[in-house]
PDB file of N, CA and C in Angstrom:
ATOM      1  N   MET A   1      62.851 -11.303  40.695  1.00  0.00           N
ATOM      2  CA  MET A   1      61.743 -11.179  39.830  1.00  0.00           C
ATOM      3  C   MET A   1      61.315 -12.375  39.057  1.00  0.00           C
ATOM      4  N   ALA A   2      60.194 -12.588  38.622  1.00  0.00           N
ATOM      5  CA  ALA A   2      59.507 -13.629  38.105  1.00  0.00           C
ATOM      6  C   ALA A   2      60.062 -13.727  36.550  1.00  0.00           C
ATOM      7  N   LYS A   3      60.117 -14.887  36.042  1.00  0.00           N
ATOM      8  CA  LYS A   3      60.752 -14.886  34.905  1.00  0.00           C
ATOM      9  C   LYS A   3      59.710 -14.877  33.746  1.00  0.00           C
ATOM     10  N   HIS A   4      58.653 -15.531  34.185  1.00  0.00           N
ATOM     11  CA  HIS A   4      57.334 -15.717  33.459  1.00  0.00           C
ATOM     12  C   HIS A   4      56.243 -14.495  33.731  1.00  0.00           C
ATOM     13  N   SER A   5      55.614 -14.431  32.426  1.00  0.00           N
ATOM     14  CA  SER A   5      54.470 -13.280  32.334  1.00  0.00           C
ATOM     15  C   SER A   5      53.335 -13.874  31.977  1.00  0.00           C
ATOM     16  N   HIS A   6      52.265 -13.558  32.462  1.00  0.00           N
ATOM     17  CA  HIS A   6      50.943 -13.871  32.020  1.00  0.00           C
ATOM     18  C   HIS A   6      49.867 -12.712  31.832  1.00  0.00           C
ATOM     19  N   ARG A   7      50.265 -11.459  31.410  1.00  0.00           N
ATOM     20  CA  ARG A   7      49.722 -10.111  31.611  1.00  0.00           C
ATOM     21  C   ARG A   7      48.582 -10.160  30.538  1.00  0.00           C
ATOM     22  N   PHE A   8      48.601 -10.895  29.497  1.00  0.00           N
ATOM     23  CA  PHE A   8      47.641 -10.690  28.629  1.00  0.00           C
ATOM     24  C   PHE A   8      46.285 -10.917  29.250  1.00  0.00           C
ATOM     25  N   VAL A   9      45.950 -11.864  29.727  1.00  0.00           N
ATOM     26  CA  VAL A   9      44.792 -12.677  30.164  1.00  0.00           C
ATOM     27  C   VAL A   9      44.331 -11.554  31.296  1.00  0.00           C
ATOM     28  N   GLU A  10      45.247 -10.888  31.904  1.00  0.00           N
ATOM     29  CA  GLU A  10      44.767 -10.003  33.165  1.00  0.00           C
ATOM     30  C   GLU A  10      44.229  -8.531  32.402  1.00  0.00           C
ATOM     31  N   THR A  11      44.594  -8.406  31.044  1.00  0.00           N
ATOM     32  CA  THR A  11      44.274  -6.826  30.570  1.00  0.00           C
ATOM     33  C   THR A  11      43.315  -6.977  29.209  1.00  0.00           C
ATOM     34  N   TYR A  12      43.182  -8.072  28.625  1.00  0.00           N
ATOM     35  CA  TYR A  12      42.439  -8.346  27.353  1.00  0.00           C
ATOM     36  C   TYR A  12      41.208  -8.180  27.762  1.00  0.00           C
ATOM     37  N   ASP A  13      40.509  -7.520  27.009  1.00  0.00           N
ATOM     38  CA  ASP A  13      39.100  -6.982  27.103  1.00  0.00           C
ATOM     39  C   ASP A  13      38.228  -7.060  25.719  1.00  0.00           C
ATOM     40  N   GLY A  14      38.991  -7.792  24.682  1.00  0.00           N
ATOM     41  CA  GLY A  14      38.388  -8.032  23.569  1.00  0.00           C
ATOM     42  C   GLY A  14      37.485  -9.477  23.410  1.00  0.00           C
ATOM     43  N   PHE A  15      36.971  -9.762  22.134  1.00  0.00           N
ATOM     44  CA  PHE A  15      36.142 -10.707  21.978  1.00  0.00           C
ATOM     45  C   PHE A  15      37.170 -11.981  21.991  1.00  0.00           C
ATOM     46  N   VAL A  16      36.414 -12.988  22.967  1.00  0.00           N
ATOM     47  CA  VAL A  16      37.225 -14.277  22.885  1.00  0.00           C
ATOM     48  C   VAL A  16      36.210 -15.185  22.313  1.00  0.00           C
ATOM     49  N   GLY A  17      36.656 -15.718  21.076  1.00  0.00           N
ATOM     50  CA  GLY A  17      36.076 -16.625  20.168  1.00  0.00           C
ATOM     51  C   GLY A  17      36.960 -16.979  19.114  1.00  0.00           C
ATOM     52  N   TYR A  18      36.735 -17.960  18.225  1.00  0.00           N
ATOM     53  CA  TYR A  18      37.354 -18.757  17.347  1.00  0.00           C
ATOM     54  C   TYR A  18      36.710 -18.539  16.099  1.00  0.00           C
ATOM     55  N   GLY A  19      37.476 -17.995  14.920  1.00  0.00           N
ATOM     56  CA  GLY A  19      36.912 -18.211  13.480  1.00  0.00           C
ATOM     57  C   GLY A  19      36.379 -17.055  12.929  1.00  0.00           C
ATOM     58  N   LEU A  20      36.456 -16.052  13.626  1.00  0.00           N
ATOM     59  CA  LEU A  20      36.134 -14.668  13.284  1.00  0.00           C
ATOM     60  C   LEU A  20      37.184 -13.923  12.546  1.00  0.00           C
ATOM     61  N   ASP A  21      38.358 -13.792  12.767  1.00  0.00           N
ATOM     62  CA  ASP A  21      39.605 -13.342  12.014  1.00  0.00           C
ATOM     63  C   ASP A  21      40.858 -13.817  12.644  1.00  0.00           C
ATOM     64  N   ARG A  22      41.813 -13.578  11.797  1.00  0.00           N
ATOM     65  CA  ARG A  22      43.296 -14.096  12.389  1.00  0.00           C
ATOM     66  C   ARG A  22      43.297 -13.283  13.707  1.00  0.00           C
ATOM     67  N   GLN A  23      43.222 -12.088  13.776  1.00  0.00           N
ATOM     68  CA  GLN A  23      43.812 -11.362  15.287  1.00  0.00           C
ATOM     69  C   GLN A  23      42.990 -12.161  16.455  1.00  0.00           C
ATOM     70  N   THR A  24      41.729 -12.153  16.281  1.00  0.00           N
ATOM     71  CA  THR A  24      40.650 -12.656  17.274  1.00  0.00           C
ATOM     72  C   THR A  24      41.129 -14.077  17.585  1.00  0.00           C
ATOM     73  N   ASP A  25      41.562 -14.764  16.494  1.00  0.00           N
ATOM     74  CA  ASP A  25      41.917 -16.176  16.775  1.00  0.00           C
ATOM     75  C   ASP A  25      43.294 -16.221  17.402  1.00  0.00           C
ATOM     76  N   GLU A  26      44.208 -15.399  17.545  1.00  0.00           N
ATOM     77  CA  GLU A  26      45.578 -15.369  18.063  1.00  0.00           C
ATOM     78  C   GLU A  26      45.276 -14.892  19.337  1.00  0.00           C
ATOM     79  N   ASN A  27      44.612 -13.649  19.735  1.00  0.00           N
ATOM     80  CA  ASN A  27      44.079 -13.243  20.926  1.00  0.00           C
ATOM     81  C   ASN A  27      43.269 -14.438  21.626  1.00  0.00           C
ATOM     82  N   THR A  28      42.361 -15.249  21.077  1.00  0.00           N
ATOM     83  CA  THR A  28      41.659 -16.212  21.856  1.00  0.00           C
ATOM     84  C   THR A  28      42.652 -17.291  22.188  1.00  0.00           C
ATOM     85  N   VAL A  29      43.624 -17.685  21.330  1.00  0.00           N
ATOM     86  CA  VAL A  29      44.574 -18.961  21.825  1.00  0.00           C
ATOM     87  C   VAL A  29      45.401 -18.654  22.910  1.00  0.00           C
ATOM     88  N   GLN A  30      45.950 -17.156  22.992  1.00  0.00           N
ATOM     89  CA  GLN A  30      46.751 -16.690  23.919  1.00  0.00           C
ATOM     90  C   GLN A  30      45.841 -16.573  25.321  1.00  0.00           C
ATOM     91  N   PHE A  31      44.606 -16.140  25.322  1.00  0.00           N
ATOM     92  CA  PHE A  31      43.617 -16.123  26.233  1.00  0.00           C
ATOM     93  C   PHE A  31      43.539 -17.443  27.012  1.00  0.00           C
ATOM     94  N   TYR A  32      43.088 -18.462  26.075  1.00  0.00           N
ATOM     95  CA  TYR A  32      42.901 -19.724  26.713  1.00  0.00           C
ATOM     96  C   TYR A  32      44.217 -20.619  27.299  1.00  0.00           C
ATOM     97  N   LEU A  33      45.394 -20.254  26.577  1.00  0.00           N
ATOM     98  CA  LEU A  33      46.444 -20.803  27.121  1.00  0.00           C
ATOM     99  C   LEU A  33      46.945 -20.227  28.387  1.00  0.00           C
ATOM    100  N   GLN A  34      46.901 -19.047  28.298  1.00  0.00           N
ATOM    101  CA  GLN A  34      47.047 -18.361  29.856  1.00  0.00           C
ATOM    102  C   GLN A  34      46.206 -18.838  30.983  1.00  0.00           C
ATOM    103  N   LYS A  35      44.725 -18.670  30.484  1.00  0.00           N
ATOM    104  CA  LYS A  35      43.841 -19.336  31.536  1.00  0.00           C
ATOM    105  C   LYS A  35      44.167 -20.836  31.840  1.00  0.00           C
ATOM    106  N   LEU A  36      44.385 -21.317  30.795  1.00  0.00           N
ATOM    107  CA  LEU A  36      44.587 -23.039  31.041  1.00  0.00           C
ATOM    108  C   LEU A  36      45.998 -23.312  32.093  1.00  0.00           C
ATOM    109  N   SER A  37      46.951 -22.147  32.062  1.00  0.00           N
ATOM    110  CA  SER A  37      48.198 -22.634  32.771  1.00  0.00           C
ATOM    111  C   SER A  37      48.109 -22.022  34.319  1.00  0.00           C
ATOM    112  N   ASP A  38      46.886 -21.553  34.594  1.00  0.00           N
ATOM    113  CA  ASP A  38      46.705 -21.072  35.892  1.00  0.00           C
ATOM    114  C   ASP A  38      46.960 -22.363  36.908  1.00  0.00           C
ATOM    115  N   ASP A  39      47.763 -21.813  37.979  1.00  0.00           N
ATOM    116  CA  ASP A  39      48.250 -22.806  38.869  1.00  0.00           C
ATOM    117  C   ASP A  39      47.236 -23.806  39.500  1.00  0.00           C
ATOM    118  N   GLU A  40      46.159 -22.873  39.944  1.00  0.00           N
ATOM    119  CA  GLU A  40      44.994 -23.506  40.717  1.00  0.00           C
ATOM    120  C   GLU A  40      44.193 -24.649  39.666  1.00  0.00           C
ATOM    121  N   LEU A  41      43.904 -24.038  38.585  1.00  0.00           N
ATOM    122  CA  LEU A  41      43.129 -24.770  37.349  1.00  0.00           C
ATOM    123  C   LEU A  41      44.031 -25.932  37.305  1.00  0.00           C
ATOM    124  N   MET A  42      45.249 -25.979  37.127  1.00  0.00           N
ATOM    125  CA  MET A  42      46.174 -27.190  36.770  1.00  0.00           C
ATOM    126  C   MET A  42      46.026 -28.296  37.814  1.00  0.00           C
ATOM    127  N   LYS A  43      46.166 -27.787  38.995  1.00  0.00           N
ATOM    128  CA  LYS A  43      45.906 -28.468  40.288  1.00  0.00           C
ATOM    129  C   LYS A  43      44.661 -29.466  40.294  1.00  0.00           C
ATOM    130  N   VAL A  44      43.512 -28.967  39.578  1.00  0.00           N
ATOM    131  CA  VAL A  44      42.437 -29.648  39.265  1.00  0.00           C
ATOM    132  C   VAL A  44      42.334 -30.466  38.025  1.00  0.00           C
ATOM    133  N   ILE A  45      42.813 -30.022  37.009  1.00  0.00           N
ATOM    134  CA  ILE A  45      42.809 -30.621  35.703  1.00  0.00           C
ATOM    135  C   ILE A  45      43.798 -31.984  35.598  1.00  0.00           C
ATOM    136  N   LEU A  46      45.111 -31.400  36.109  1.00  0.00           N
ATOM    137  CA  LEU A  46      46.070 -32.697  35.818  1.00  0.00           C
ATOM    138  C   LEU A  46      45.651 -33.773  36.650  1.00  0.00           C
ATOM    139  N   LYS A  47      45.039 -33.650  37.781  1.00  0.00           N
ATOM    140  CA  LYS A  47      44.932 -35.011  38.629  1.00  0.00           C
ATOM    141  C   LYS A  47      43.869 -35.919  37.832  1.00  0.00           C
ATOM    142  N   ARG A  48      43.034 -35.085  37.037  1.00  0.00           N
ATOM    143  CA  ARG A  48      41.965 -35.941  36.411  1.00  0.00           C
ATOM    144  C   ARG A  48      42.223 -36.248  34.868  1.00  0.00           C
ATOM    145  N   MET A  49      43.466 -35.832  34.479  1.00  0.00           N
ATOM    146  CA  MET A  49      43.803 -36.340  33.030  1.00  0.00           C
ATOM    147  C   MET A  49      44.248 -37.824  32.938  1.00  0.00           C
ATOM    148  N   SER A  50      44.030 -38.405  31.963  1.00  0.00           N
ATOM    149  CA  SER A  50      44.543 -39.772  31.650  1.00  0.00           C
ATOM    150  C   SER A  50      46.061 -39.650  31.180  1.00  0.00           C
ATOM    151  N   ASP A  51      46.624 -40.828  31.448  1.00  0.00           N
ATOM    152  CA  ASP A  51      48.228 -40.781  30.879  1.00  0.00           C
ATOM    153  C   ASP A  51      48.184 -40.480  29.486  1.00  0.00           C
ATOM    154  N   GLU A  52      47.159 -40.988  28.546  1.00  0.00           N
ATOM    155  CA  GLU A  52      47.176 -40.623  27.335  1.00  0.00           C
ATOM    156  C   GLU A  52      46.895 -39.238  27.146  1.00  0.00           C
ATOM    157  N   ASP A  53      46.102 -38.425  27.793  1.00  0.00           N
ATOM    158  CA  ASP A  53      45.904 -37.014  27.639  1.00  0.00           C
ATOM    159  C   ASP A  53      47.156 -36.136  27.978  1.00  0.00           C
ATOM    160  N   LEU A  54      47.863 -36.669  28.852  1.00  0.00           N
ATOM    161  CA  LEU A  54      49.056 -35.953  29.522  1.00  0.00           C
ATOM    162  C   LEU A  54      50.051 -36.131  28.349  1.00  0.00           C
ATOM    163  N   THR A  55      50.100 -37.211  27.777  1.00  0.00           N
ATOM    164  CA  THR A  55      51.136 -37.384  26.529  1.00  0.00           C
ATOM    165  C   THR A  55      50.539 -36.637  25.380  1.00  0.00           C
ATOM    166  N   GLU A  56      49.293 -36.339  25.225  1.00  0.00           N
ATOM    167  CA  GLU A  56      48.860 -35.531  23.914  1.00  0.00           C
ATOM    168  C   GLU A  56      49.276 -34.105  24.009  1.00  0.00           C
ATOM    169  N   ILE A  57      49.173 -33.501  25.286  1.00  0.00           N
ATOM    170  CA  ILE A  57      49.469 -32.124  25.795  1.00  0.00           C
ATOM    171  C   ILE A  57      50.834 -31.903  25.694  1.00  0.00           C
ATOM    172  N   PHE A  58      51.647 -32.744  26.125  1.00  0.00           N
ATOM    173  CA  PHE A  58      52.891 -32.711  26.108  1.00  0.00           C
ATOM    174  C   PHE A  58      53.581 -32.681  24.626  1.00  0.00           C
ATOM    175  N   ASN A  59      53.026 -33.884  23.690  1.00  0.00           N
ATOM    176  CA  ASN A  59      53.431 -33.999  22.314  1.00  0.00           C
ATOM    177  C   ASN A  59      53.197 -32.527  21.650  1.00  0.00           C
ATOM    178  N   VAL A  60      51.860 -32.026  21.647  1.00  0.00           N
ATOM    179  CA  VAL A  60      51.550 -30.950  21.119  1.00  0.00           C
ATOM    180  C   VAL A  60      52.367 -29.712  21.533  1.00  0.00           C
ATOM    181  N   ALA A  61      52.527 -29.605  22.904  1.00  0.00           N
ATOM    182  CA  ALA A  61      53.360 -28.310  23.028  1.00  0.00           C
ATOM    183  C   ALA A  61      54.924 -28.594  22.704  1.00  0.00           C
ATOM    184  N   GLY A  62      55.470 -29.783  22.604  1.00  0.00           N
ATOM    185  CA  GLY A  62      56.664 -29.898  21.887  1.00  0.00           C
ATOM    186  C   GLY A  62      56.844 -29.581  20.411  1.00  0.00           C
ATOM    187  N   LYS A  63      55.787 -30.117  19.866  1.00  0.00           N
ATOM    188  CA  LYS A  63      55.562 -29.903  18.399  1.00  0.00           C
ATOM    189  C   LYS A  63      55.491 -28.518  18.205  1.00  0.00           C
ATOM    190  N   VAL A  64      54.800 -27.651  18.781  1.00  0.00           N
ATOM    191  CA  VAL A  64      54.739 -26.166  18.475  1.00  0.00           C
ATOM    192  C   VAL A  64      56.128 -25.616  18.755  1.00  0.00           C
ATOM    193  N   LEU A  65      56.739 -26.034  19.919  1.00  0.00           N
ATOM    194  CA  LEU A  65      58.013 -25.360  20.238  1.00  0.00           C
ATOM    195  C   LEU A  65      58.966 -25.598  19.116  1.00  0.00           C
ATOM    196  N   LYS A  66      59.106 -26.818  18.837  1.00  0.00           N
ATOM    197  CA  LYS A  66      60.048 -27.386  17.834  1.00  0.00           C
ATOM    198  C   LYS A  66      59.917 -26.662  16.265  1.00  0.00           C
ATOM    199  N   LYS A  67      58.544 -26.585  15.953  1.00  0.00           N
ATOM    200  CA  LYS A  67      58.194 -26.039  14.541  1.00  0.00           C
ATOM    201  C   LYS A  67      58.402 -24.536  14.571  1.00  0.00           C
ATOM    202  N   TYR A  68      57.941 -23.622  15.658  1.00  0.00           N
ATOM    203  CA  TYR A  68      58.070 -22.263  15.573  1.00  0.00           C
ATOM    204  C   TYR A  68      59.292 -21.596  16.177  1.00  0.00           C
ATOM    205  N   LEU A  69      60.146 -22.144  16.997  1.00  0.00           N
ATOM    206  CA  LEU A  69      61.097 -21.600  17.466  1.00  0.00           C
ATOM    207  C   LEU A  69      62.698 -22.228  17.253  1.00  0.00           C
ATOM    208  N   SER A  70      63.617 -21.459  16.946  1.00  0.00           N
ATOM    209  CA  SER A  70      64.956 -21.851  16.484  1.00  0.00           C
ATOM    210  C   SER A  70      65.535 -22.199  18.056  1.00  0.00           C
ATOM    211  N   GLU A  71      66.547 -22.842  17.906  1.00  0.00           N
ATOM    212  CA  GLU A  71      67.115 -23.707  19.100  1.00  0.00           C
ATOM    213  C   GLU A  71      67.480 -22.581  20.063  1.00  0.00           C
ATOM    214  N   PRO A  72      68.196 -21.423  19.625  1.00  0.00           N
ATOM    215  CA  PRO A  72      68.387 -20.280  20.488  1.00  0.00           C
ATOM    216  C   PRO A  72      66.889 -19.461  21.083  1.00  0.00           C
ATOM    217  N   GLU A  73      66.059 -19.297  20.236  1.00  0.00           N
ATOM    218  CA  GLU A  73      64.950 -18.813  20.772  1.00  0.00           C
ATOM    219  C   GLU A  73      64.051 -19.803  22.210  1.00  0.00           C
ATOM    220  N   TYR A  74      64.134 -21.057  21.651  1.00  0.00           N
ATOM    221  CA  TYR A  74      63.667 -22.172  22.588  1.00  0.00           C
ATOM    222  C   TYR A  74      64.580 -21.851  23.981  1.00  0.00           C
ATOM    223  N   HIS A  75      65.670 -21.583  24.112  1.00  0.00           N
ATOM    224  CA  HIS A  75      66.561 -21.404  25.313  1.00  0.00           C
ATOM    225  C   HIS A  75      66.066 -19.968  25.650  1.00  0.00           C
ATOM    226  N   ARG A  76      65.881 -19.141  25.116  1.00  0.00           N
ATOM    227  CA  ARG A  76      65.725 -17.811  25.585  1.00  0.00           C
ATOM    228  C   ARG A  76      64.327 -17.638  25.890  1.00  0.00           C
ATOM    229  N   PHE A  77      63.239 -18.015  24.963  1.00  0.00           N
ATOM    230  CA  PHE A  77      61.879 -17.587  25.498  1.00  0.00           C
ATOM    231  C   PHE A  77      61.137 -18.767  26.204  1.00  0.00           C
ATOM    232  N   PHE A  78      61.383 -19.925  25.926  1.00  0.00           N
ATOM    233  CA  PHE A  78      60.817 -21.161  26.638  1.00  0.00           C
ATOM    234  C   PHE A  78      61.535 -21.278  28.019  1.00  0.00           C
ATOM    235  N   LEU A  79      62.932 -21.859  28.071  1.00  0.00           N
ATOM    236  CA  LEU A  79      63.546 -22.152  29.155  1.00  0.00           C
ATOM    237  C   LEU A  79      63.911 -20.932  29.860  1.00  0.00           C
ATOM    238  N   LYS A  80      63.775 -19.731  29.189  1.00  0.00           N
ATOM    239  CA  LYS A  80      64.233 -18.543  29.986  1.00  0.00           C
ATOM    240  C   LYS A  80      65.804 -18.508  30.530  1.00  0.00           C
ATOM    241  N   GLU A  81      66.761 -18.981  29.702  1.00  0.00           N
ATOM    242  CA  GLU A  81      68.009 -19.062  30.089  1.00  0.00           C
ATOM    243  C   GLU A  81      68.642 -17.603  29.714  1.00  0.00           C
ATOM    244  N   GLU A  82      69.519 -17.270  30.690  1.00  0.00           N
ATOM    245  CA  GLU A  82      70.146 -16.103  30.412  1.00  0.00           C
ATOM    246  C   GLU A  82      71.368 -16.216  29.371  1.00  0.00           C
ATOM    247  N   GLU A  83      71.442 -15.257  28.461  1.00  0.00           N
ATOM    248  CA  GLU A  83      72.496 -15.182  27.307  1.00  0.00           C
ATOM    249  C   GLU A  83      73.935 -15.150  28.096  1.00  0.00           C
ATOM    250  N   GLY A  84      74.696 -16.115  27.677  1.00  0.00           N
ATOM    251  CA  GLY A  84      76.093 -16.054  28.272  1.00  0.00           C
ATOM    252  C   GLY A  84      77.006 -15.346  27.468  1.00  0.00           C
TER     253      GLY A  84
END
């Protein structure tokens, strides 16, 4: 069974846009991130990105993970490690 899920982007039929209200902003960010992480799209984009762009994306992702997840949450939700 797959450990990762991206079902939101497959089922969301609401407004995609930023700045309307908090819920729409959250939905839009989730929609964009799931669309962006598509394997086919990543094959195209990653090869075109500069080293600086790759570093920036990596650093932003790391900053978000460190700021909003505890260590156990990081292992559970990001690394998808089984609880021992």
